Amino acid sequence: MSSCSPRDHPGSQDACTTSSNNEKPTRNEDHQEVCYESPTCKFDYCVKRPDYVAMQLNPEASDKAVHASALVRQLSFLDRFLVLWILIAMVVGVVIGYYVPGVQTAFQTVQFHSVSVPIAVGLLVMMYPVLCKVQYERLPSILVTRQVWIQIGISVFINWVIGPIIMTALAWATLPDLPGFRTGVVMVGLARCIAMVLIWNHLADGDADYCALLVAINSILQIALFSPYSVLFINIIPSWFGASADAAIHVDVEPVAISVLIYLGIPLAAGALTRFTLMGLFGRKWYESKFLPWIGPWALIGLLYTIIVMFANQGHQIIDHIGSVFRVAVPLFVYFIIMFFIPFFVLKHIGVPYELVVTQSFTAGSNNFELAIAVAVGTYGIHSEQALAATIGPLIEVPVLLCLTYVSLLFRNKLQWHVRPFFISENKKNEDQ
């Protein structure tokens, strides 16, 4: 009997003991990974980091680890300085909203069924390139697998059970004397993300197909659950603990459904139609090598435009209530960190591959602030504390989740990923074949 060496299973010297006759290593040079099939090994499928593969081929290179600077150099010019662009967009938006007279009135008059047309345009431009990359043709084969339904179950539990409870608890713990702002924070926690998560998942190299599937499911559940959840977490649950509930809230299903249809339905249909049409006319190779690289930058352009519009719409509110803005930022910041890292490390620990871990983490950590703002404005008014709190949501969410995309890429290369075959996505299996 011989023990698996740390090079075979990096970071897990005690993980397995196997006979040299039973150990069957195979190497896939294209994907830079080593697979071990061993009946007594704790980890049946060990995915190697690129630097560990280099260590096995050249032990003298063991001190050449992957650094954050190397990851940054792999990004495009637009991606590399995305933090700077977003900060500039936020500042420009606030300055426009505060110093340009009548800009808020202009945004309020250009609406379609309570949905801001300028914001809707930005979201459509932002989401369309990402949804063009989704491999819709593979979804039927994905949906028949047991693994995908496990991932769906995990996502539903995190988003619709854990998320609202954590946000409500944080809101009451940090804003006990600010009921209006507290209600706005709770509403942010109830609106699960159906838009920007596609961008974060894309930047972090998550599984685009799984992300689109989880977003679609969250959209359906949002139509059914947002209204009763609002009543439950804003009116009913506080009364259980002797607290006075906020002014009775009633949220109709129709505006929620319209919001989901506009923000997700239109770009989803456009992305699927574009993919099938262009691939049918010009082939997959042209579509993936020519069209997708050309349209890709428009996602970030749409993101920056959307941020400018949102912050311009609330520029006066942010400046005039800067103290409250900082207080509201506390529960939001803690919430985004908790909701990202809990699923990240739990799923990594049980053997879920990186691309699915980040998809679940960003789906859990993101929120549909567009819906939260729209409902808060429709229920309490454009200048209400609830609407301002909902507006602060993207002020915190955008930079935090953007930073987490870089953290995710760093963890992908710095941490050791021991992936169990059961959790490997259908897309990954198809790529490896």
Foldseek 3Di string as FASTA:
>chain_A
DAFDPCLRVPPCRPQFRADPVQWDWDADVVQLAIATCGPTGNFRGFGDFNLSSVCVVPVVSNVVFDDLVNVLVVDDPCLNCVLVLQVVLLVLLLCLLVPPPPLLVVQCVCDDLLARPLLLVLQLLQFQLLLLPAPVVCVVVQVVDPLLVVLLVVLCCLLVPVQLVLQLVLLCVQPVPPLQLSLLSSLQSLFFDLTCLSVLLVLLVARSNSLNVSSVVSLVVCLVPSFVVSQCSQCNVCVVVVHHGDDGDGDDSVSSNVVSCSSHVVSNVSSVVVNVVCCVVPNDVCCVPPVSVVSVVSNSVSVSSSSSSLSSNCSVVCVVPVVVLVSLLVSLLVSLVVLQVVQLVVCQVVAADLNSSNSSRSSSNHGDLSVSLSSCCVTPNCNTSSNVSSSSNCVNSVSSSSVVSSVSNVCNRPPTGRHHPSNDGPVNVVVSD
